[in-house]
Amino acid sequence: MPRIPFCGGSYETKVSDQNIQRSINWYPVEDKQGGKHELIMMPTPGLTTPFVTLTAGSVVRCMLEHRGTLYAVAANKFYSITTGGTATERGTLTTSSGRVKYAAVMDGIVLVDGTAGWHYKPSTTTFSEITDADFKDATTQIAAQDEYFVIVRPSSGVVERSTVSDGTDWPAQVATAESHYDDLVSIISDHRELYLLGQKVTEVWWNDGSTFAFGRNNGIYIEYGITAQDSVCKLGEGIAWLARKDDGSQNVVFCSGHQITTISNRGIDYQISKMNSNDKADF
């Protein structure tokens, strides 16, 4: 008797009679060791009881693990959380909703939400708003590399950095992504390189010892920009994001060793094309 192909992801093209399937809360796992079944479906992992409850009725706006401690922002509160599920309030933000992005160095965490920036020093449990006049409060994109914090100035091709190991001090050190005329949208650090993702292209920067500390690797030019500013994430030995090419086409891509591979299929690409707006989408 032939096997019924139940296993697989979601796929829907323009013609539903050709292929239409949907996977909800399950994901396919491939067996590459010659097992009885090459592909099985696994349920989404999770806990049956809450690990910790933060601000009642609030939405968790970000979470990060830093040197063995879990941190989270819920509503306008910043918490540290132990492995036993005990939460301690460490500070208060001026906003209570919307996405919060973060970056961390050895003894510092910086949070941004498009209205302000906040710094937390784990060794002293000190939480404070960043008041340096050279820090751009409107930023929503931040990364950290080699003990520097680096932010993207909104609606520009400009990035600026902090002083080494100090997210409260911003010495007016800026640089510009100039290989293309588009604005920068997002930033991420991977394998000690900074990926500056624009609307249509991506530049790769590294610590070249210059005054700014970082400079563009002129031997690398990635002709994929980013559609959704918060979609870029680390994945295995590389990064992935919802990308856009100069011709307007959109795909989910994976970049490893500066090489781009499209990892979305035509069904997913079709669903992306039907979105009214995906500039705020994320993985």
C-alpha atoms as a PDB file:
ATOM      1  CA  MET A   1       0.000   0.000   0.000  1.00  0.00           C
ATOM      2  CA  PRO A   2       1.435   3.391  -0.915  1.00  0.00           C
ATOM      3  CA  ARG A   3       2.173   5.786   1.919  1.00  0.00           C
ATOM      4  CA  ILE A   4      -0.001   8.869   2.262  1.00  0.00           C
ATOM      5  CA  PRO A   5       2.348  11.891   2.335  1.00  0.00           C
ATOM      6  CA  PHE A   6       1.094  13.556   5.505  1.00  0.00           C
ATOM      7  CA  CYS A   7       4.488  14.994   6.412  1.00  0.00           C
ATOM      8  CA  GLY A   8       5.447  18.395   5.114  1.00  0.00           C
ATOM      9  CA  GLY A   9       5.255  22.104   5.706  1.00  0.00           C
ATOM     10  CA  SER A  10       2.721  24.662   4.567  1.00  0.00           C
ATOM     11  CA  TYR A  11       2.395  25.239   0.841  1.00  0.00           C
ATOM     12  CA  GLU A  12      -0.228  27.060  -1.208  1.00  0.00           C
ATOM     13  CA  THR A  13       0.200  28.364  -4.730  1.00  0.00           C
ATOM     14  CA  LYS A  14      -2.117  30.399  -6.958  1.00  0.00           C
ATOM     15  CA  VAL A  15      -3.865  27.212  -8.110  1.00  0.00           C
ATOM     16  CA  SER A  16      -5.203  25.306  -5.094  1.00  0.00           C
ATOM     17  CA  ASP A  17      -5.903  22.183  -7.167  1.00  0.00           C
ATOM     18  CA  GLN A  18      -2.181  21.790  -7.766  1.00  0.00           C
ATOM     19  CA  ASN A  19      -1.016  21.679  -4.163  1.00  0.00           C
ATOM     20  CA  ILE A  20      -2.502  23.035  -0.970  1.00  0.00           C
ATOM     21  CA  GLN A  21      -1.436  21.963   2.509  1.00  0.00           C
ATOM     22  CA  ARG A  22      -1.095  23.582   5.891  1.00  0.00           C
ATOM     23  CA  SER A  23       0.876  22.568   8.962  1.00  0.00           C
ATOM     24  CA  ILE A  24      -0.213  24.131  12.252  1.00  0.00           C
ATOM     25  CA  ASN A  25       1.996  23.816  15.355  1.00  0.00           C
ATOM     26  CA  TRP A  26       3.981  20.933  13.853  1.00  0.00           C
ATOM     27  CA  TYR A  27       7.254  20.932  11.964  1.00  0.00           C
ATOM     28  CA  PRO A  28       8.960  18.305   9.764  1.00  0.00           C
ATOM     29  CA  VAL A  29      12.156  16.594  10.967  1.00  0.00           C
ATOM     30  CA  GLU A  30      14.326  14.718   8.487  1.00  0.00           C
ATOM     31  CA  ASP A  31      16.138  11.495   9.399  1.00  0.00           C
ATOM     32  CA  LYS A  32      19.450  11.374   7.544  1.00  0.00           C
ATOM     33  CA  GLN A  33      20.616   8.073   9.102  1.00  0.00           C
ATOM     34  CA  GLY A  34      18.509   5.619   7.094  1.00  0.00           C
ATOM     35  CA  GLY A  35      15.672   5.205   9.592  1.00  0.00           C
ATOM     36  CA  LYS A  36      12.288   3.645   8.876  1.00  0.00           C
ATOM     37  CA  HIS A  37      10.746   7.022   8.085  1.00  0.00           C
ATOM     38  CA  GLU A  38      12.740   9.707   6.294  1.00  0.00           C
ATOM     39  CA  LEU A  39      10.455  12.451   7.556  1.00  0.00           C
ATOM     40  CA  ILE A  40       8.322  12.766  10.682  1.00  0.00           C
ATOM     41  CA  MET A  41       6.251  15.579  12.162  1.00  0.00           C
ATOM     42  CA  MET A  42       7.113  16.902  15.623  1.00  0.00           C
ATOM     43  CA  PRO A  43       4.907  19.084  17.828  1.00  0.00           C
ATOM     44  CA  THR A  44       5.957  22.578  18.813  1.00  0.00           C
ATOM     45  CA  PRO A  45       7.921  22.332  22.084  1.00  0.00           C
ATOM     46  CA  GLY A  46       6.711  24.157  25.162  1.00  0.00           C
ATOM     47  CA  LEU A  47       5.778  23.950  28.832  1.00  0.00           C
ATOM     48  CA  THR A  48       2.465  22.727  30.202  1.00  0.00           C
ATOM     49  CA  THR A  49       2.637  25.257  33.040  1.00  0.00           C
ATOM     50  CA  PRO A  50       4.007  28.818  32.973  1.00  0.00           C
ATOM     51  CA  PHE A  51       7.711  29.163  33.763  1.00  0.00           C
ATOM     52  CA  VAL A  52       7.268  32.669  35.166  1.00  0.00           C
ATOM     53  CA  THR A  53       4.568  35.340  35.191  1.00  0.00           C
ATOM     54  CA  LEU A  54       5.686  38.929  34.720  1.00  0.00           C
ATOM     55  CA  THR A  55       3.515  42.077  34.689  1.00  0.00           C
ATOM     56  CA  ALA A  56      -0.092  40.857  34.847  1.00  0.00           C
ATOM     57  CA  GLY A  57      -1.865  41.007  31.491  1.00  0.00           C
ATOM     58  CA  SER A  58       1.196  42.366  29.697  1.00  0.00           C
ATOM     59  CA  VAL A  59       2.890  41.304  26.480  1.00  0.00           C
ATOM     60  CA  VAL A  60       6.549  40.265  26.545  1.00  0.00           C
ATOM     61  CA  ARG A  61       8.309  42.741  24.248  1.00  0.00           C
ATOM     62  CA  CYS A  62      11.743  41.070  24.171  1.00  0.00           C
ATOM     63  CA  MET A  63      13.793  38.352  25.846  1.00  0.00           C
ATOM     64  CA  LEU A  64      17.511  37.692  25.932  1.00  0.00           C
ATOM     65  CA  GLU A  65      19.953  35.402  27.688  1.00  0.00           C
ATOM     66  CA  HIS A  66      23.109  37.080  28.951  1.00  0.00           C
ATOM     67  CA  ARG A  67      25.841  35.157  30.746  1.00  0.00           C
ATOM     68  CA  GLY A  68      23.469  32.623  32.282  1.00  0.00           C
ATOM     69  CA  THR A  69      20.654  34.999  33.234  1.00  0.00           C
ATOM     70  CA  LEU A  70      17.395  35.498  31.348  1.00  0.00           C
ATOM     71  CA  TYR A  71      16.167  39.063  30.865  1.00  0.00           C
ATOM     72  CA  ALA A  72      12.810  40.247  29.572  1.00  0.00           C
ATOM     73  CA  VAL A  73      10.766  43.374  28.992  1.00  0.00           C
ATOM     74  CA  ALA A  74       7.050  43.082  29.771  1.00  0.00           C
ATOM     75  CA  ALA A  75       4.903  46.215  29.429  1.00  0.00           C
ATOM     76  CA  ASN A  76       7.235  48.948  30.724  1.00  0.00           C
ATOM     77  CA  LYS A  77       9.223  46.758  33.147  1.00  0.00           C
ATOM     78  CA  PHE A  78      12.677  45.216  32.678  1.00  0.00           C
ATOM     79  CA  TYR A  79      13.259  41.962  34.599  1.00  0.00           C
ATOM     80  CA  SER A  80      16.032  39.510  35.345  1.00  0.00           C
ATOM     81  CA  ILE A  81      14.837  35.907  35.714  1.00  0.00           C
ATOM     82  CA  THR A  82      16.575  33.000  37.432  1.00  0.00           C
ATOM     83  CA  THR A  83      16.632  29.406  36.183  1.00  0.00           C
ATOM     84  CA  GLY A  84      14.070  28.655  38.876  1.00  0.00           C
ATOM     85  CA  GLY A  85      11.584  31.124  37.433  1.00  0.00           C
ATOM     86  CA  THR A  86      12.020  33.951  39.942  1.00  0.00           C
ATOM     87  CA  ALA A  87      11.699  37.397  38.343  1.00  0.00           C
ATOM     88  CA  THR A  88      13.239  40.576  39.768  1.00  0.00           C
ATOM     89  CA  GLU A  89      12.289  44.000  38.448  1.00  0.00           C
ATOM     90  CA  ARG A  90      15.423  45.910  37.407  1.00  0.00           C
ATOM     91  CA  GLY A  91      14.098  49.053  35.732  1.00  0.00           C
ATOM     92  CA  THR A  92      11.265  50.934  34.058  1.00  0.00           C
ATOM     93  CA  LEU A  93      10.958  52.064  30.439  1.00  0.00           C
ATOM     94  CA  THR A  94       8.917  55.050  29.291  1.00  0.00           C
ATOM     95  CA  THR A  95       6.839  52.962  26.863  1.00  0.00           C
ATOM     96  CA  SER A  96       4.556  50.007  27.529  1.00  0.00           C
ATOM     97  CA  SER A  97       3.960  48.543  24.065  1.00  0.00           C
ATOM     98  CA  GLY A  98       5.772  47.857  20.819  1.00  0.00           C
ATOM     99  CA  ARG A  99       8.873  45.868  19.995  1.00  0.00           C
ATOM    100  CA  VAL A 100      12.056  46.308  22.005  1.00  0.00           C
ATOM    101  CA  LYS A 101      15.408  45.407  20.412  1.00  0.00           C
ATOM    102  CA  TYR A 102      18.569  44.717  22.380  1.00  0.00           C
ATOM    103  CA  ALA A 103      22.318  44.146  22.159  1.00  0.00           C
ATOM    104  CA  ALA A 104      24.796  43.061  24.822  1.00  0.00           C
ATOM    105  CA  VAL A 105      28.516  43.230  25.611  1.00  0.00           C
ATOM    106  CA  MET A 106      30.386  41.624  28.511  1.00  0.00           C
ATOM    107  CA  ASP A 107      28.946  43.895  31.220  1.00  0.00           C
ATOM    108  CA  GLY A 108      26.234  45.866  29.495  1.00  0.00           C
ATOM    109  CA  ILE A 109      22.847  45.540  27.806  1.00  0.00           C
ATOM    110  CA  VAL A 110      21.233  48.276  25.708  1.00  0.00           C
ATOM    111  CA  LEU A 111      17.520  48.329  24.882  1.00  0.00           C
ATOM    112  CA  VAL A 112      15.915  50.475  22.149  1.00  0.00           C
ATOM    113  CA  ASP A 113      12.294  50.914  21.101  1.00  0.00           C
ATOM    114  CA  GLY A 114      12.242  53.872  18.714  1.00  0.00           C
ATOM    115  CA  THR A 115      11.636  56.476  21.418  1.00  0.00           C
ATOM    116  CA  ALA A 116      14.628  56.126  23.755  1.00  0.00           C
ATOM    117  CA  GLY A 117      17.476  53.864  24.826  1.00  0.00           C
ATOM    118  CA  TRP A 118      18.204  52.235  28.181  1.00  0.00           C
ATOM    119  CA  HIS A 119      21.362  50.701  29.616  1.00  0.00           C
ATOM    120  CA  TYR A 120      21.642  47.926  32.186  1.00  0.00           C
ATOM    121  CA  LYS A 121      24.925  46.989  33.881  1.00  0.00           C
ATOM    122  CA  PRO A 122      24.645  43.437  35.274  1.00  0.00           C
ATOM    123  CA  SER A 123      27.614  43.697  37.649  1.00  0.00           C
ATOM    124  CA  THR A 124      25.994  46.577  39.560  1.00  0.00           C
ATOM    125  CA  THR A 125      22.326  45.916  38.575  1.00  0.00           C
ATOM    126  CA  THR A 126      22.179  49.561  37.458  1.00  0.00           C
ATOM    127  CA  PHE A 127      19.423  50.524  34.995  1.00  0.00           C
ATOM    128  CA  SER A 128      19.279  53.979  33.405  1.00  0.00           C
ATOM    129  CA  GLU A 129      18.031  55.851  30.360  1.00  0.00           C
ATOM    130  CA  ILE A 130      20.726  56.851  27.858  1.00  0.00           C
ATOM    131  CA  THR A 131      20.918  60.651  27.942  1.00  0.00           C
ATOM    132  CA  ASP A 132      23.978  61.250  25.734  1.00  0.00           C
ATOM    133  CA  ALA A 133      23.000  63.880  23.132  1.00  0.00           C
ATOM    134  CA  ASP A 134      24.788  61.921  20.373  1.00  0.00           C
ATOM    135  CA  PHE A 135      22.624  58.853  20.917  1.00  0.00           C
ATOM    136  CA  LYS A 136      19.709  58.815  18.462  1.00  0.00           C
ATOM    137  CA  ASP A 137      16.602  58.021  20.482  1.00  0.00           C
ATOM    138  CA  ALA A 138      14.532  57.156  17.407  1.00  0.00           C
ATOM    139  CA  THR A 139      16.630  54.116  16.522  1.00  0.00           C
ATOM    140  CA  THR A 140      14.994  50.706  16.489  1.00  0.00           C
ATOM    141  CA  GLN A 141      18.000  48.722  15.266  1.00  0.00           C
ATOM    142  CA  ILE A 142      21.070  47.851  17.353  1.00  0.00           C
ATOM    143  CA  ALA A 143      23.897  45.313  17.375  1.00  0.00           C
ATOM    144  CA  ALA A 144      27.015  44.686  19.443  1.00  0.00           C
ATOM    145  CA  GLN A 145      30.447  43.543  18.335  1.00  0.00           C
ATOM    146  CA  ASP A 146      33.929  43.650  19.845  1.00  0.00           C
ATOM    147  CA  GLU A 147      32.513  45.418  22.945  1.00  0.00           C
ATOM    148  CA  TYR A 148      30.989  48.233  20.852  1.00  0.00           C
ATOM    149  CA  PHE A 149      27.284  48.967  20.526  1.00  0.00           C
ATOM    150  CA  VAL A 150      26.303  50.025  16.992  1.00  0.00           C
ATOM    151  CA  ILE A 151      22.961  51.593  16.016  1.00  0.00           C
ATOM    152  CA  VAL A 152      21.304  52.551  12.738  1.00  0.00           C
ATOM    153  CA  ARG A 153      20.063  56.099  12.349  1.00  0.00           C
ATOM    154  CA  PRO A 154      16.480  55.963  11.014  1.00  0.00           C
ATOM    155  CA  SER A 155      15.848  56.934   7.368  1.00  0.00           C
ATOM    156  CA  SER A 156      19.545  57.198   6.551  1.00  0.00           C
ATOM    157  CA  GLY A 157      22.611  55.205   5.580  1.00  0.00           C
ATOM    158  CA  VAL A 158      24.370  56.163   8.802  1.00  0.00           C
ATOM    159  CA  VAL A 159      25.527  53.978  11.682  1.00  0.00           C
ATOM    160  CA  GLU A 160      27.077  55.198  14.911  1.00  0.00           C
ATOM    161  CA  ARG A 161      28.911  53.461  17.721  1.00  0.00           C
ATOM    162  CA  SER A 162      29.368  53.731  21.466  1.00  0.00           C
ATOM    163  CA  THR A 163      32.568  53.905  23.471  1.00  0.00           C
ATOM    164  CA  VAL A 164      34.140  50.497  24.121  1.00  0.00           C
ATOM    165  CA  SER A 165      32.177  48.556  26.757  1.00  0.00           C
ATOM    166  CA  ASP A 166      29.978  51.560  27.619  1.00  0.00           C
ATOM    167  CA  GLY A 167      26.494  51.829  26.153  1.00  0.00           C
ATOM    168  CA  THR A 168      25.871  55.141  27.939  1.00  0.00           C
ATOM    169  CA  ASP A 169      28.672  57.009  26.126  1.00  0.00           C
ATOM    170  CA  TRP A 170      28.255  57.875  22.426  1.00  0.00           C
ATOM    171  CA  PRO A 171      31.236  59.937  21.150  1.00  0.00           C
ATOM    172  CA  ALA A 172      29.711  61.140  17.844  1.00  0.00           C
ATOM    173  CA  GLN A 173      31.534  58.434  15.881  1.00  0.00           C
ATOM    174  CA  VAL A 174      29.537  57.779  12.689  1.00  0.00           C
ATOM    175  CA  ALA A 175      30.036  56.066   9.340  1.00  0.00           C
ATOM    176  CA  THR A 176      27.945  55.743   6.189  1.00  0.00           C
ATOM    177  CA  ALA A 177      27.036  52.775   4.022  1.00  0.00           C
ATOM    178  CA  GLU A 178      27.693  54.208   0.567  1.00  0.00           C
ATOM    179  CA  SER A 179      27.797  51.278  -1.862  1.00  0.00           C
ATOM    180  CA  HIS A 180      24.147  51.960  -2.818  1.00  0.00           C
ATOM    181  CA  TYR A 181      21.794  54.911  -2.557  1.00  0.00           C
ATOM    182  CA  ASP A 182      19.209  53.121  -0.408  1.00  0.00           C
ATOM    183  CA  ASP A 183      18.686  53.703   3.330  1.00  0.00           C
ATOM    184  CA  LEU A 184      19.769  51.212   5.971  1.00  0.00           C
ATOM    185  CA  VAL A 185      16.943  49.221   7.516  1.00  0.00           C
ATOM    186  CA  SER A 186      18.512  46.737   9.938  1.00  0.00           C
ATOM    187  CA  ILE A 187      21.785  45.486  11.406  1.00  0.00           C
ATOM    188  CA  ILE A 188      23.059  42.220  12.875  1.00  0.00           C
ATOM    189  CA  SER A 189      26.422  40.833  14.018  1.00  0.00           C
ATOM    190  CA  ASP A 190      27.439  37.345  12.890  1.00  0.00           C
ATOM    191  CA  HIS A 191      30.848  35.654  13.032  1.00  0.00           C
ATOM    192  CA  ARG A 192      32.461  38.968  14.094  1.00  0.00           C
ATOM    193  CA  GLU A 193      31.081  40.774  11.062  1.00  0.00           C
ATOM    194  CA  LEU A 194      28.408  43.448  10.949  1.00  0.00           C
ATOM    195  CA  TYR A 195      25.752  42.994   8.294  1.00  0.00           C
ATOM    196  CA  LEU A 196      24.242  46.370   7.341  1.00  0.00           C
ATOM    197  CA  LEU A 197      20.991  45.567   5.566  1.00  0.00           C
ATOM    198  CA  GLY A 198      19.546  48.242   3.306  1.00  0.00           C
ATOM    199  CA  GLN A 199      16.380  48.407   1.284  1.00  0.00           C
ATOM    200  CA  LYS A 200      18.010  46.796  -1.743  1.00  0.00           C
ATOM    201  CA  VAL A 201      21.561  45.711  -0.854  1.00  0.00           C
ATOM    202  CA  THR A 202      23.536  44.467   2.145  1.00  0.00           C
ATOM    203  CA  GLU A 203      27.050  45.498   3.128  1.00  0.00           C
ATOM    204  CA  VAL A 204      29.408  43.493   5.357  1.00  0.00           C
ATOM    205  CA  TRP A 205      31.630  45.456   7.742  1.00  0.00           C
ATOM    206  CA  TRP A 206      34.445  44.305  10.025  1.00  0.00           C
ATOM    207  CA  ASN A 207      36.687  45.756  12.714  1.00  0.00           C
ATOM    208  CA  ASP A 208      39.427  47.303  10.569  1.00  0.00           C
ATOM    209  CA  GLY A 209      41.037  49.382  13.307  1.00  0.00           C
ATOM    210  CA  SER A 210      39.920  52.684  11.806  1.00  0.00           C
ATOM    211  CA  THR A 211      38.770  55.689  13.822  1.00  0.00           C
ATOM    212  CA  PHE A 212      35.207  54.452  13.619  1.00  0.00           C
ATOM    213  CA  ALA A 213      36.495  50.929  14.430  1.00  0.00           C
ATOM    214  CA  PHE A 214      34.494  49.287  11.613  1.00  0.00           C
ATOM    215  CA  GLY A 215      34.758  49.556   7.850  1.00  0.00           C
ATOM    216  CA  ARG A 216      33.178  47.984   4.789  1.00  0.00           C
ATOM    217  CA  ASN A 217      34.642  44.799   3.330  1.00  0.00           C
ATOM    218  CA  ASN A 218      34.895  45.955  -0.282  1.00  0.00           C
ATOM    219  CA  GLY A 219      35.265  42.397  -1.521  1.00  0.00           C
ATOM    220  CA  ILE A 220      31.714  41.499  -0.469  1.00  0.00           C
ATOM    221  CA  TYR A 221      28.570  42.923  -2.038  1.00  0.00           C
ATOM    222  CA  ILE A 222      25.216  41.244  -1.437  1.00  0.00           C
ATOM    223  CA  GLU A 223      22.482  42.318  -3.848  1.00  0.00           C
ATOM    224  CA  TYR A 224      19.663  41.503  -1.456  1.00  0.00           C
ATOM    225  CA  GLY A 225      18.098  44.093   0.818  1.00  0.00           C
ATOM    226  CA  ILE A 226      15.563  43.537   3.575  1.00  0.00           C
ATOM    227  CA  THR A 227      11.806  44.037   3.488  1.00  0.00           C
ATOM    228  CA  ALA A 228      10.955  43.397   7.141  1.00  0.00           C
ATOM    229  CA  GLN A 229      13.344  45.169   9.492  1.00  0.00           C
ATOM    230  CA  ASP A 230      12.862  42.705  12.351  1.00  0.00           C
ATOM    231  CA  SER A 231      12.998  39.530  10.273  1.00  0.00           C
ATOM    232  CA  VAL A 232      16.792  39.147  10.271  1.00  0.00           C
ATOM    233  CA  CYS A 233      17.966  36.475  12.700  1.00  0.00           C
ATOM    234  CA  LYS A 234      20.767  34.002  13.273  1.00  0.00           C
ATOM    235  CA  LEU A 235      20.110  30.560  11.866  1.00  0.00           C
ATOM    236  CA  GLY A 236      22.637  27.763  12.209  1.00  0.00           C
ATOM    237  CA  GLU A 237      25.963  28.937  10.783  1.00  0.00           C
ATOM    238  CA  GLY A 238      24.522  32.041   9.156  1.00  0.00           C
ATOM    239  CA  ILE A 239      21.657  34.521   9.128  1.00  0.00           C
ATOM    240  CA  ALA A 240      18.246  34.585   7.461  1.00  0.00           C
ATOM    241  CA  TRP A 241      15.822  37.359   6.585  1.00  0.00           C
ATOM    242  CA  LEU A 242      12.865  38.368   4.435  1.00  0.00           C
ATOM    243  CA  ALA A 243      14.769  39.790   1.487  1.00  0.00           C
ATOM    244  CA  ARG A 244      14.008  42.025  -1.439  1.00  0.00           C
ATOM    245  CA  LYS A 245      15.936  42.388  -4.667  1.00  0.00           C
ATOM    246  CA  ASP A 246      16.208  45.471  -6.836  1.00  0.00           C
ATOM    247  CA  ASP A 247      13.472  44.099  -9.139  1.00  0.00           C
ATOM    248  CA  GLY A 248      11.003  44.040  -6.209  1.00  0.00           C
ATOM    249  CA  SER A 249      10.866  40.252  -5.771  1.00  0.00           C
ATOM    250  CA  GLN A 250      10.751  38.976  -2.185  1.00  0.00           C
ATOM    251  CA  ASN A 251      12.047  35.710  -0.723  1.00  0.00           C
ATOM    252  CA  VAL A 252      13.280  34.332   2.567  1.00  0.00           C
ATOM    253  CA  VAL A 253      17.036  33.919   2.171  1.00  0.00           C
ATOM    254  CA  PHE A 254      19.854  32.319   4.152  1.00  0.00           C
ATOM    255  CA  CYS A 255      23.373  33.761   4.097  1.00  0.00           C
ATOM    256  CA  SER A 256      26.373  31.668   5.149  1.00  0.00           C
ATOM    257  CA  GLY A 257      29.935  32.504   4.203  1.00  0.00           C
ATOM    258  CA  HIS A 258      28.550  35.525   2.320  1.00  0.00           C
ATOM    259  CA  GLN A 259      26.695  33.180  -0.044  1.00  0.00           C
ATOM    260  CA  ILE A 260      22.935  33.614  -0.482  1.00  0.00           C
ATOM    261  CA  THR A 261      20.497  30.685  -0.712  1.00  0.00           C
ATOM    262  CA  THR A 262      16.742  31.088  -1.114  1.00  0.00           C
ATOM    263  CA  ILE A 263      15.037  28.947   1.540  1.00  0.00           C
ATOM    264  CA  SER A 264      11.404  29.857   0.910  1.00  0.00           C
ATOM    265  CA  ASN A 265       9.462  27.899  -1.680  1.00  0.00           C
ATOM    266  CA  ARG A 266       7.106  29.266  -4.325  1.00  0.00           C
ATOM    267  CA  GLY A 267       4.106  28.725  -2.077  1.00  0.00           C
ATOM    268  CA  ILE A 268       5.625  30.836   0.694  1.00  0.00           C
ATOM    269  CA  ASP A 269       6.774  33.468  -1.796  1.00  0.00           C
ATOM    270  CA  TYR A 270       3.216  33.663  -3.121  1.00  0.00           C
ATOM    271  CA  GLN A 271       1.820  34.185   0.391  1.00  0.00           C
ATOM    272  CA  ILE A 272       4.414  36.911   1.001  1.00  0.00           C
ATOM    273  CA  SER A 273       3.399  38.661  -2.223  1.00  0.00           C
ATOM    274  CA  LYS A 274      -0.240  38.774  -1.036  1.00  0.00           C
ATOM    275  CA  MET A 275       0.580  40.693   2.155  1.00  0.00           C
ATOM    276  CA  ASN A 276      -0.640  44.269   2.194  1.00  0.00           C
ATOM    277  CA  SER A 277       2.396  45.211   4.278  1.00  0.00           C
ATOM    278  CA  ASN A 278       5.252  43.110   5.611  1.00  0.00           C
ATOM    279  CA  ASP A 279       7.761  45.781   6.617  1.00  0.00           C
ATOM    280  CA  LYS A 280       7.145  44.910  10.305  1.00  0.00           C
ATOM    281  CA  ALA A 281       7.007  41.139   9.851  1.00  0.00           C
ATOM    282  CA  ASP A 282       9.426  38.896  11.714  1.00  0.00           C
ATOM    283  CA  PHE A 283      10.363  35.237  12.068  1.00  0.00           C
END
